[in-house]
Protein backbone atom coordinates (compact mmCIF):
# COMPACT_ATOMS: atom_id res chain seq x y z
CA UNK A 1 0.00 0.00 0.00
CA UNK A 2 1.40 3.37 -1.00
CA UNK A 3 2.01 5.86 1.77
CA UNK A 4 1.05 9.54 1.49
CA UNK A 5 2.21 12.13 4.02
CA UNK A 6 -0.47 14.68 4.90
CA UNK A 7 -0.14 17.90 6.85
CA UNK A 8 -0.50 21.65 6.72
CA UNK A 9 0.00 25.03 8.36
CA UNK A 10 -2.57 27.71 7.65
CA UNK A 11 -2.40 31.40 8.45
CA UNK A 12 -3.44 34.54 6.58
CA UNK A 13 -1.02 37.19 7.80
CA UNK A 14 -1.81 40.90 7.95
CA UNK A 15 1.66 42.43 7.99
CA UNK A 16 0.33 45.91 8.83
CA UNK A 17 -1.44 44.66 11.97
CA UNK A 18 0.41 45.57 15.16
CA UNK A 19 -0.19 42.25 16.93
CA UNK A 20 1.82 39.04 16.56
CA UNK A 21 0.58 35.48 16.07
CA UNK A 22 2.10 33.16 18.64
CA UNK A 23 2.14 29.39 19.00
CA UNK A 24 -0.66 29.72 21.57
CA UNK A 25 -2.91 31.18 18.86
CA UNK A 26 -2.53 28.02 16.78
CA UNK A 27 -3.04 25.83 19.86
CA UNK A 28 -6.21 27.77 20.68
CA UNK A 29 -7.72 27.44 17.20
CA UNK A 30 -6.53 24.19 15.65
CA UNK A 31 -3.37 22.18 16.23
CA UNK A 32 -3.35 18.42 15.65
CA UNK A 33 -0.30 16.17 15.44
CA UNK A 34 0.10 12.61 14.24
CA UNK A 35 -2.94 10.35 14.61
CA UNK A 36 -4.88 13.22 16.24
CA UNK A 37 -4.93 14.86 12.81
CA UNK A 38 -6.88 11.96 11.36
CA UNK A 39 -9.13 11.66 14.41
CA UNK A 40 -10.15 15.33 14.37
CA UNK A 41 -10.32 15.98 10.62
CA UNK A 42 -11.42 12.81 8.84
CA UNK A 43 -15.06 13.05 7.77
CA UNK A 44 -15.20 16.81 8.33
CA UNK A 45 -16.26 19.22 5.54
CA UNK A 46 -12.81 20.81 5.49
CA UNK A 47 -10.01 20.94 2.97
CA UNK A 48 -8.02 18.49 5.09
CA UNK A 49 -11.12 16.32 5.46
CA UNK A 50 -11.54 16.24 1.68
CA UNK A 51 -7.88 15.37 1.20
CA UNK A 52 -8.12 12.59 3.80
CA UNK A 53 -11.27 11.12 2.28
CA UNK A 54 -9.80 11.27 -1.21
CA UNK A 55 -6.60 9.50 -0.21
CA UNK A 56 -8.41 6.78 1.75
CA UNK A 57 -10.88 6.19 -1.08
CA UNK A 58 -7.93 5.77 -3.45
CA UNK A 59 -6.55 3.04 -1.22
CA UNK A 60 -3.56 4.88 0.20
CA UNK A 61 -2.17 4.77 3.71
CA UNK A 62 -2.21 8.28 5.16
CA UNK A 63 0.85 9.25 7.18
CA UNK A 64 -0.32 12.16 9.36
CA UNK A 65 2.18 14.91 10.04
CA UNK A 66 0.86 18.12 11.64
CA UNK A 67 -2.11 20.38 10.95
CA UNK A 68 -2.18 23.89 12.43
CA UNK A 69 -4.42 26.89 11.75
CA UNK A 70 -4.78 30.25 13.46
CA UNK A 71 -7.15 33.17 12.98
CA UNK A 72 -5.93 35.87 10.53
CA UNK A 73 -3.78 38.34 12.43
CA UNK A 74 -0.33 39.91 12.52
CA UNK A 75 2.99 38.32 11.62
CA UNK A 76 3.71 34.83 12.93
CA UNK A 77 6.46 34.91 15.53
CA UNK A 78 9.83 33.37 14.76
CA UNK A 79 9.28 30.87 17.56
CA UNK A 80 5.82 29.78 16.36
CA UNK A 81 6.94 29.34 12.76
CA UNK A 82 10.05 27.44 13.81
CA UNK A 83 8.20 25.09 16.16
CA UNK A 84 5.43 24.27 13.69
CA UNK A 85 7.63 23.76 10.65
CA UNK A 86 10.25 21.82 12.59
CA UNK A 87 7.64 19.43 13.95
CA UNK A 88 6.03 18.89 10.54
CA UNK A 89 9.43 18.23 8.97
CA UNK A 90 10.53 15.99 11.87
CA UNK A 91 7.48 13.80 11.39
CA UNK A 92 8.03 13.71 7.63
CA UNK A 93 11.68 12.76 8.07
CA UNK A 94 10.72 9.95 10.44
CA UNK A 95 8.14 8.64 7.95
CA UNK A 96 10.48 8.42 4.95
CA UNK A 97 10.28 6.98 2.42
CA UNK A 98 6.81 8.10 1.32
CA UNK A 99 5.21 7.84 -2.10
CA UNK A 100 3.74 11.34 -2.09
CA UNK A 101 3.01 14.43 -0.01
CA UNK A 102 -0.25 16.36 0.21
CA UNK A 103 -0.15 19.66 2.10
CA UNK A 104 -2.97 22.03 3.01
CA UNK A 105 -1.49 25.51 3.10
CA UNK A 106 -2.84 29.05 2.93
CA UNK A 107 -0.39 30.86 0.71
CA UNK A 108 -0.29 34.21 2.52
CA UNK A 109 1.55 33.33 5.72
CA UNK A 110 4.34 35.68 6.75
CA UNK A 111 6.56 35.31 9.77
CA UNK A 112 8.82 37.82 11.48
CA UNK A 113 11.73 36.35 9.54
CA UNK A 114 10.19 34.95 6.35
CA UNK A 115 8.09 36.72 3.68
CA UNK A 116 7.28 33.48 1.84
CA UNK A 117 6.52 30.88 4.50
CA UNK A 118 4.82 28.48 2.11
CA UNK A 119 7.63 28.64 -0.45
CA UNK A 120 10.15 28.13 2.34
CA UNK A 121 8.25 25.15 3.77
CA UNK A 122 7.69 23.54 0.37
CA UNK A 123 11.40 23.90 -0.40
CA UNK A 124 12.30 22.06 2.82
CA UNK A 125 9.76 19.33 2.10
CA UNK A 126 11.16 18.93 -1.41
CA UNK A 127 14.69 18.64 -0.05
CA UNK A 128 13.57 15.80 2.23
CA UNK A 129 11.54 13.76 -0.25
CA UNK A 130 13.66 14.36 -3.36
CA UNK A 131 12.80 15.49 -6.89
CA UNK A 132 10.85 12.37 -7.88
CA UNK A 133 8.29 12.40 -5.08
CA UNK A 134 4.98 14.08 -6.00
CA UNK A 135 4.00 17.09 -3.86
CA UNK A 136 0.50 18.54 -4.20
CA UNK A 137 -0.68 21.46 -2.08
CA UNK A 138 -4.02 23.19 -1.65
CA UNK A 139 -4.11 26.97 -1.25
CA UNK A 140 -6.58 29.59 -0.15
CA UNK A 141 -7.70 31.77 -3.07
CA UNK A 142 -6.21 34.71 -1.15
CA UNK A 143 -2.72 33.24 -1.50
CA UNK A 144 0.18 35.42 -2.60
CA UNK A 145 1.90 32.91 -4.85
CA UNK A 146 5.69 32.95 -5.13
CA UNK A 147 7.86 31.31 -7.80
CA UNK A 148 9.23 28.99 -5.09
CA UNK A 149 5.75 27.68 -4.32
CA UNK A 150 5.20 26.83 -7.99
CA UNK A 151 8.64 25.27 -8.51
CA UNK A 152 8.76 23.19 -5.33
CA UNK A 153 5.24 21.73 -5.54
CA UNK A 154 4.18 19.73 -8.56
CA UNK A 155 0.61 21.03 -8.43
CA UNK A 156 -1.10 23.88 -6.54
CA UNK A 157 -4.88 23.67 -6.13
CA UNK A 158 -6.57 26.86 -4.94
CA UNK A 159 -10.11 27.33 -3.67
CA UNK A 160 -12.41 28.54 -6.44
CA UNK A 161 -14.99 30.28 -4.27
CA UNK A 162 -15.10 33.28 -1.95
CA UNK A 163 -16.78 32.72 0.49
CA UNK A 164 -14.67 29.55 0.63
CA UNK A 165 -17.48 27.00 0.40
CA UNK A 166 -15.62 24.57 -1.86
CA UNK A 167 -12.72 23.67 0.41
CA UNK A 168 -13.72 20.02 0.85
CA UNK A 169 -14.01 19.64 -2.92
CA UNK A 170 -10.58 21.13 -3.46
CA UNK A 171 -9.14 18.66 -0.95
CA UNK A 172 -10.71 15.84 -2.94
CA UNK A 173 -9.33 17.34 -6.15
CA UNK A 174 -5.82 17.53 -4.74
CA UNK A 175 -5.99 13.87 -3.71
CA UNK A 176 -7.28 12.92 -7.18
CA UNK A 177 -4.42 14.75 -8.90
CA UNK A 178 -1.88 13.03 -6.66
CA UNK A 179 -3.54 9.70 -7.58
CA UNK A 180 -3.11 10.51 -11.28
CA UNK A 181 0.57 11.20 -10.75
CA UNK A 182 1.11 7.94 -8.88
CA UNK A 183 -1.09 5.60 -10.89
CA UNK A 184 -1.38 7.13 -14.37
CA UNK A 185 2.08 8.58 -14.83
CA UNK A 186 0.89 12.21 -14.95
CA UNK A 187 3.86 14.58 -15.18
CA UNK A 188 2.42 18.06 -14.74
CA UNK A 189 3.87 21.37 -15.87
CA UNK A 190 2.82 24.57 -14.10
CA UNK A 191 3.08 28.24 -15.03
CA UNK A 192 2.63 31.38 -12.94
CA UNK A 193 1.48 34.76 -14.23
CA UNK A 194 0.96 37.97 -12.26
CA UNK A 195 -0.63 41.26 -13.32
CA UNK A 196 0.45 44.39 -11.41
CA UNK A 197 -2.82 44.42 -9.47
CA UNK A 198 -3.73 44.47 -5.78
CA UNK A 199 -7.30 43.78 -4.70
CA UNK A 200 -8.84 44.71 -1.38
CA UNK A 201 -10.70 41.93 0.41
CA UNK A 202 -13.97 43.54 -0.70
CA UNK A 203 -13.24 43.02 -4.39
CA UNK A 204 -12.22 39.37 -4.12
CA UNK A 205 -15.84 38.17 -4.13
CA UNK A 206 -15.84 35.56 -6.87
CA UNK A 207 -19.37 36.40 -8.01
CA UNK A 208 -18.29 39.83 -9.24
CA UNK A 209 -15.54 41.24 -11.48
CA UNK A 210 -12.61 41.22 -11.61
CA UNK A 211 -12.49 37.57 -10.49
CA UNK A 212 -15.76 36.28 -11.95
CA UNK A 213 -14.81 36.67 -15.63
CA UNK A 214 -11.49 34.98 -14.86
CA UNK A 215 -13.28 31.99 -13.34
CA UNK A 216 -15.71 31.81 -16.23
CA UNK A 217 -12.81 31.53 -18.66
CA UNK A 218 -11.00 29.07 -16.36
CA UNK A 219 -14.01 26.73 -16.40
CA UNK A 220 -13.75 26.56 -20.19
CA UNK A 221 -10.01 25.96 -20.01
CA UNK A 222 -10.43 23.05 -17.61
CA UNK A 223 -12.65 21.24 -20.10
CA UNK A 224 -9.50 20.60 -22.14
CA UNK A 225 -8.11 17.19 -21.06
CA UNK A 226 -4.59 18.63 -21.28
CA UNK A 227 -5.39 21.04 -18.43
CA UNK A 228 -4.96 19.55 -14.97
CA UNK A 229 -5.94 22.56 -12.90
CA UNK A 230 -6.48 26.31 -13.19
CA UNK A 231 -6.07 28.28 -9.96
CA UNK A 232 -7.04 31.94 -9.75
CA UNK A 233 -5.68 33.80 -6.76
CA UNK A 234 -7.14 37.12 -5.69
CA UNK A 235 -4.18 37.56 -3.38
CA UNK A 236 -4.01 39.10 0.08
CA UNK A 237 -3.18 42.78 -0.30
CA UNK A 238 -2.79 43.34 3.44
CA UNK A 239 0.53 41.50 3.33
CA UNK A 240 3.47 43.60 2.17
CA UNK A 241 5.61 41.00 0.37
CA UNK A 242 7.34 40.74 -3.04
CA UNK A 243 4.60 38.28 -4.09
CA UNK A 244 1.42 40.06 -2.99
CA UNK A 245 -1.40 40.50 -5.45
CA UNK A 246 -3.46 38.75 -8.08
CA UNK A 247 -1.94 35.71 -9.77
CA UNK A 248 -2.88 32.69 -11.85
CA UNK A 249 -1.35 29.23 -11.81
CA UNK A 250 -2.17 26.87 -14.67
CA UNK A 251 -1.08 23.24 -14.63
CA UNK A 252 -1.13 21.06 -17.75
CA UNK A 253 -0.23 17.47 -18.63
CA UNK A 254 3.34 18.37 -19.41
CA UNK A 255 2.89 21.22 -21.89
CA UNK A 256 4.78 24.13 -20.29
CA UNK A 257 4.14 26.52 -23.17
CA UNK A 258 0.41 25.89 -23.06
CA UNK A 259 0.36 26.42 -19.28
CA UNK A 260 2.09 29.80 -19.64
CA UNK A 261 -0.16 30.87 -22.52
CA UNK A 262 -3.33 30.15 -20.52
CA UNK A 263 -1.98 31.79 -17.37
CA UNK A 264 -1.09 34.91 -19.37
CA UNK A 265 -4.55 34.98 -20.94
CA UNK A 266 -6.18 35.00 -17.49
CA UNK A 267 -3.82 37.77 -16.44
CA UNK A 268 -5.10 39.93 -19.30
CA UNK A 269 -8.69 39.30 -18.19
CA UNK A 270 -7.79 40.48 -14.68
CA UNK A 271 -6.12 43.58 -16.08
CA UNK A 272 -9.06 44.42 -18.33
CA UNK A 273 -11.35 44.30 -15.27
CA UNK A 274 -9.04 46.25 -12.96
CA UNK A 275 -11.48 49.16 -12.56
CA UNK A 276 -13.93 46.84 -10.80
CA UNK A 277 -11.18 46.20 -8.27
CA UNK A 278 -11.34 49.82 -7.09
CA UNK A 279 -14.82 49.54 -5.52
CA UNK A 280 -14.68 50.64 -1.88
CA UNK A 281 -18.29 50.46 -0.64
CA UNK A 282 -20.76 53.09 0.57
CA UNK A 283 -19.94 56.00 2.85
CA UNK A 284 -21.21 55.46 6.40
CA UNK A 285 -23.90 58.16 6.16
CA UNK A 286 -25.32 56.78 2.92
CA UNK A 287 -25.36 53.26 4.31
CA UNK A 288 -27.29 54.47 7.37
CA UNK A 289 -29.78 56.31 5.20
CA UNK A 290 -30.46 53.26 3.07
CA UNK A 291 -30.67 50.89 6.02
CA UNK A 292 -33.08 53.08 7.98
CA UNK A 293 -35.35 53.62 4.97
CA UNK A 294 -35.45 49.98 3.90
CA UNK A 295 -39.06 48.69 4.01
CA UNK A 296 -38.00 45.39 5.51
CA UNK A 297 -35.01 43.60 6.95
CA UNK A 298 -32.63 42.18 7.62
CA UNK A 299 -30.41 44.85 6.08
CA UNK A 300 -26.84 43.60 6.38
CA UNK A 301 -24.13 46.23 6.72
CA UNK A 302 -20.65 44.87 6.03
CA UNK A 303 -18.07 46.66 8.19
CA UNK A 304 -15.36 46.27 5.57
CA UNK A 305 -12.57 48.02 7.46
CA UNK A 306 -12.99 45.81 10.52
CA UNK A 307 -13.01 42.52 8.61
CA UNK A 308 -12.12 39.88 11.20
CA UNK A 309 -11.39 37.36 8.47
CA UNK A 310 -8.64 39.65 7.20
CA UNK A 311 -6.93 40.17 10.54
CA UNK A 312 -8.71 43.13 12.14
CA UNK A 313 -9.53 43.15 15.88
CA UNK A 314 -13.32 43.08 15.61
CA UNK A 315 -13.82 46.05 17.92
CA UNK A 316 -14.52 48.79 15.37
CA UNK A 317 -17.10 51.27 16.61
CA UNK A 318 -17.94 53.46 13.60
CA UNK A 319 -21.17 51.69 12.66
CA UNK A 320 -22.25 51.21 16.28
CA UNK A 321 -21.88 54.94 16.88
CA UNK A 322 -23.91 55.68 13.75
CA UNK A 323 -26.70 53.27 14.75
CA UNK A 324 -26.97 54.79 18.22
CA UNK A 325 -27.11 58.30 16.77
CA UNK A 326 -29.99 57.49 14.41
CA UNK A 327 -31.78 55.44 17.12
CA UNK A 328 -31.95 52.41 14.88
CA UNK A 329 -34.66 49.85 15.65
CA UNK A 330 -33.89 46.14 15.95
CA UNK A 331 -30.19 46.46 15.13
CA UNK A 332 -27.35 44.13 16.13
CA UNK A 333 -23.60 44.76 16.34
CA UNK A 334 -20.96 42.28 17.55
CA UNK A 335 -17.88 43.71 19.27
CA UNK A 336 -14.86 41.97 20.73
CA UNK A 337 -14.15 43.63 24.05
CA UNK A 338 -13.05 41.44 27.00
CA UNK A 339 -13.05 44.39 29.42
CA UNK A 340 -16.66 45.30 28.61
CA UNK A 341 -17.69 41.65 28.95
CA UNK A 342 -16.14 41.56 32.41
CA UNK A 343 -18.05 44.71 33.39
CA UNK A 344 -21.32 43.21 32.16
CA UNK A 345 -20.66 40.01 34.11
CA UNK A 346 -19.92 42.00 37.23
CA UNK A 347 -23.21 43.86 36.84
CA UNK A 348 -25.24 40.72 36.15
CA UNK A 349 -28.22 39.87 33.94
CA UNK A 350 -30.97 42.48 34.07
CA UNK A 351 -28.68 45.19 35.40
CA UNK A 352 -28.05 48.60 33.91
CA UNK A 353 -24.53 49.29 32.68
CA UNK A 354 -22.81 52.42 31.42
CA UNK A 355 -19.39 51.83 29.92
CA UNK A 356 -17.06 52.40 27.00
CA UNK A 357 -17.13 49.61 24.43
CA UNK A 358 -14.87 48.85 21.46
CA UNK A 359 -12.04 50.88 19.97
CA UNK A 360 -9.54 49.66 22.55
CA UNK A 361 -7.08 47.55 20.55
CA UNK A 362 -5.70 50.27 18.29
CA UNK A 363 -6.51 53.68 16.81
CA UNK A 364 -7.57 52.43 13.37
CA UNK A 365 -11.17 51.36 13.99
CA UNK A 366 -12.86 54.25 15.77
CA UNK A 367 -12.86 55.53 19.33
CA UNK A 368 -14.55 53.74 22.25
CA UNK A 369 -18.31 54.38 22.34
CA UNK A 370 -20.21 55.18 25.53
CA UNK A 371 -22.96 52.57 25.90
CA UNK A 372 -25.88 52.92 28.29
CA UNK A 373 -27.98 49.78 28.36
CA UNK A 374 -29.39 46.71 30.02
CA UNK A 375 -27.56 43.41 30.25
CA UNK A 376 -30.00 41.02 28.60
CA UNK A 377 -27.98 37.82 28.51
CA UNK A 378 -24.70 36.28 29.67
CA UNK A 379 -23.31 33.06 28.16
CA UNK A 380 -20.12 31.03 27.81
CA UNK A 381 -20.00 31.79 24.07
CA UNK A 382 -19.96 28.21 22.79
CA UNK A 383 -21.99 27.26 19.73
CA UNK A 384 -22.08 24.59 17.02
CA UNK A 385 -21.85 25.86 13.45
CA UNK A 386 -25.02 25.16 11.47
CA UNK A 387 -24.04 25.73 7.84
CA UNK A 388 -20.95 25.75 5.65
CA UNK A 389 -19.11 28.52 7.42
CA UNK A 390 -15.82 28.74 5.54
CA UNK A 391 -13.93 29.40 8.77
CA UNK A 392 -15.26 26.10 10.06
CA UNK A 393 -13.47 24.60 7.07
CA UNK A 394 -10.22 25.55 8.82
CA UNK A 395 -10.95 25.49 12.53
CA UNK A 396 -13.77 22.98 13.02
CA UNK A 397 -17.50 22.88 13.72
CA UNK A 398 -17.37 24.06 17.33
CA UNK A 399 -16.91 27.80 17.90
CA UNK A 400 -15.99 29.54 21.10
CA UNK A 401 -16.35 33.31 21.40
CA UNK A 402 -15.23 33.35 25.00
CA UNK A 403 -17.66 34.75 27.52
CA UNK A 404 -20.42 36.83 25.92
CA UNK A 405 -22.78 39.56 27.06
CA UNK A 406 -25.75 40.96 25.16
CA UNK A 407 -26.38 44.59 26.10
CA UNK A 408 -29.42 46.47 24.74
CA UNK A 409 -29.43 50.24 24.33
CA UNK A 410 -32.74 51.41 22.87
CA UNK A 411 -33.26 49.40 19.71
CA UNK A 412 -29.60 48.43 19.37
CA UNK A 413 -28.27 45.18 20.76
CA UNK A 414 -24.53 44.85 21.21
CA UNK A 415 -23.16 41.34 21.47
CA UNK A 416 -19.88 41.64 23.36
CA UNK A 417 -17.44 38.73 23.25
CA UNK A 418 -13.97 37.97 24.55
CA UNK A 419 -12.59 36.34 21.40
CA UNK A 420 -13.04 37.71 17.91
CA UNK A 421 -15.13 35.35 15.82
CA UNK A 422 -15.86 35.79 12.10
CA UNK A 423 -19.57 36.20 11.23
CA UNK A 424 -19.75 33.12 9.04
CA UNK A 425 -22.73 31.34 10.57
CA UNK A 426 -26.18 32.34 11.83
CA UNK A 427 -25.70 30.16 14.90
CA UNK A 428 -23.41 32.85 16.28
CA UNK A 429 -26.41 35.12 16.92
CA UNK A 430 -28.94 32.37 17.61
CA UNK A 431 -26.74 31.02 20.41
CA UNK A 432 -27.14 34.39 22.15
CA UNK A 433 -30.93 34.51 21.87
CA UNK A 434 -30.87 36.84 18.86
CA UNK A 435 -32.83 35.69 15.82
CA UNK A 436 -31.14 37.07 12.68
CA UNK A 437 -34.26 36.89 10.51
CA UNK A 438 -36.14 39.15 12.95
CA UNK A 439 -33.61 41.99 12.90
CA UNK A 440 -33.91 45.12 10.79
CA UNK A 441 -30.17 45.86 10.68
CA UNK A 442 -27.25 43.50 11.26
CA UNK A 443 -23.64 44.69 11.22
CA UNK A 444 -21.15 42.02 10.17
CA UNK A 445 -17.42 42.53 10.51
CA UNK A 446 -16.55 41.03 7.18
CA UNK A 447 -16.05 41.92 3.52
CA UNK A 448 -17.21 38.77 1.71
CA UNK A 449 -17.20 35.69 3.96
CA UNK A 450 -20.51 36.62 5.63
CA UNK A 451 -22.43 36.10 2.39
CA UNK A 452 -22.54 32.33 2.76
CA UNK A 453 -24.65 32.65 5.92
CA UNK A 454 -26.33 36.05 5.67
CA UNK A 455 -26.88 36.29 1.92
CA UNK A 456 -29.91 33.91 1.90
CA UNK A 457 -31.78 35.85 4.62
CA UNK A 458 -30.78 39.44 3.74
CA UNK A 459 -33.32 41.82 2.23
CA UNK A 460 -30.43 44.13 1.33
CA UNK A 461 -26.65 43.98 1.65
CA UNK A 462 -24.51 47.12 1.75
CA UNK A 463 -20.74 47.10 2.00
CA UNK A 464 -19.66 50.10 4.05
CA UNK A 465 -16.41 51.96 3.54
CA UNK A 466 -15.31 52.01 7.17
CA UNK A 467 -11.80 52.72 8.46
CA UNK A 468 -9.59 49.94 9.71
CA UNK A 469 -6.87 47.44 8.98
CA UNK A 470 -8.91 45.93 6.15
CA UNK A 471 -9.93 49.18 4.50
CA UNK A 472 -10.82 48.93 0.82
CA UNK A 473 -8.53 51.91 0.15
CA UNK A 474 -5.14 50.22 -0.12
CA UNK A 475 -3.43 53.58 -0.62
CA UNK A 476 -3.70 54.11 3.13
CA UNK A 477 -0.90 51.56 3.69
CA UNK A 478 2.83 52.17 3.31
CA UNK A 479 4.09 49.34 1.12
CA UNK A 480 7.82 48.69 0.89
CA UNK A 481 8.14 45.21 -0.63
CA UNK A 482 5.32 44.98 -3.18
CA UNK A 483 6.72 45.35 -6.74
CA UNK A 484 5.92 48.78 -8.17
CA UNK A 485 4.23 50.21 -10.14
CA UNK A 486 0.99 48.45 -9.24
CA UNK A 487 -2.72 49.30 -9.34
CA UNK A 488 -4.17 50.99 -7.31
CA UNK A 489 -1.05 52.48 -5.75
CA UNK A 490 0.43 53.86 -8.98
CA UNK A 491 -1.15 55.61 -11.94
CA UNK A 492 1.62 54.53 -14.33
CA UNK A 493 1.17 50.77 -13.84
CA UNK A 494 0.95 48.79 -17.08
CA UNK A 495 0.59 45.12 -17.89
């Protein structure tokens, strides 16, 4: 029975964020070693679960290495990166020889000492297993793809959807490609192409340009039996690296020229749709006007600048302040604020509280807001994810917000939690006694990922151009490593 090593390290790194991502952050979210990897991930609707199922169905013996994932945040510490990679490589070295390697990576992880963590890791894996051993890796569609990633892995398979609702399928696809290499003699050739284009998180929704026309063309390309995989990467513009931005990776059945031609064609489609990548959302005042005048709800307001899934702190106050000022009816905002939670717990359920909430982590997301209200509910913050929350694809079905407090001020409910939690599932509100369908206005701290859960129930959705670490205006950041000129930072950028 052929033996396939399986493992992965996943982190989307916001290099402009002031915090650091430590080993404890991976341990808190998802860290499984050896047989625990199989126990926790097999049968789950995750990318690793898909890869596991695909390998087992193909009759392979899975050799589990290490799987680690942490919430998007600042640079990974030297210690955390060293410990995780060293353990994955130690387990791989002990397992040798293996017939293949399947890794589940993100593609936009940056440590304090390494701009291209995935390229660095893949290079070390390649050195261990040798040039003849197949390596296939999955990637998030927000990956910043480097030449080293393409050269060291035989095939890269990126998610096609944002929200990332196809992760399990991409895991299956990666396993199927590895099977073709081992059993059918497939010898793939891959090509990378990159337009000078950065996209904010807001414009990486795959149902809209500039990415949608690229995917439409990619679907046609993949009907050609000579094409193994077409991966379209929107990139993660909040990482200042030499590889940040939109890219395409096309893999063929050995035809390098064809792979490069198709990758270049997709690059031209991205460039021709670059204007769509400049959308920044509605001003706060206009969003409030539309939400308040909407005949029915829920009206979902996406707090783009405080996008938790992109690495922001989740304590932005701009939309909360606006809702309080207009005396919004039946409105909900979620804020991460451990200090305010503690104050609510000290007061107790049914008590009146007056305190500052939010705006405490940094100066990017609005000032603390004075909240006068009643503590309606206190909970431990645990809930089970109901739907296909794409963050559950990485971290699991059980979510833990830390202790939570629901405080009502007039018609505005503020759900305070201790741990930032992306708004990817309706169970987050239901677990706190708040029924999403009954609300008139719901603020979600997200740019795109919320759509999987909130899109089906929303009467209207408005993306709001709020300040913060995930602002849609990329010109607010001081880039030093991104190749220039590039859109939207430079007017003289050309393809």
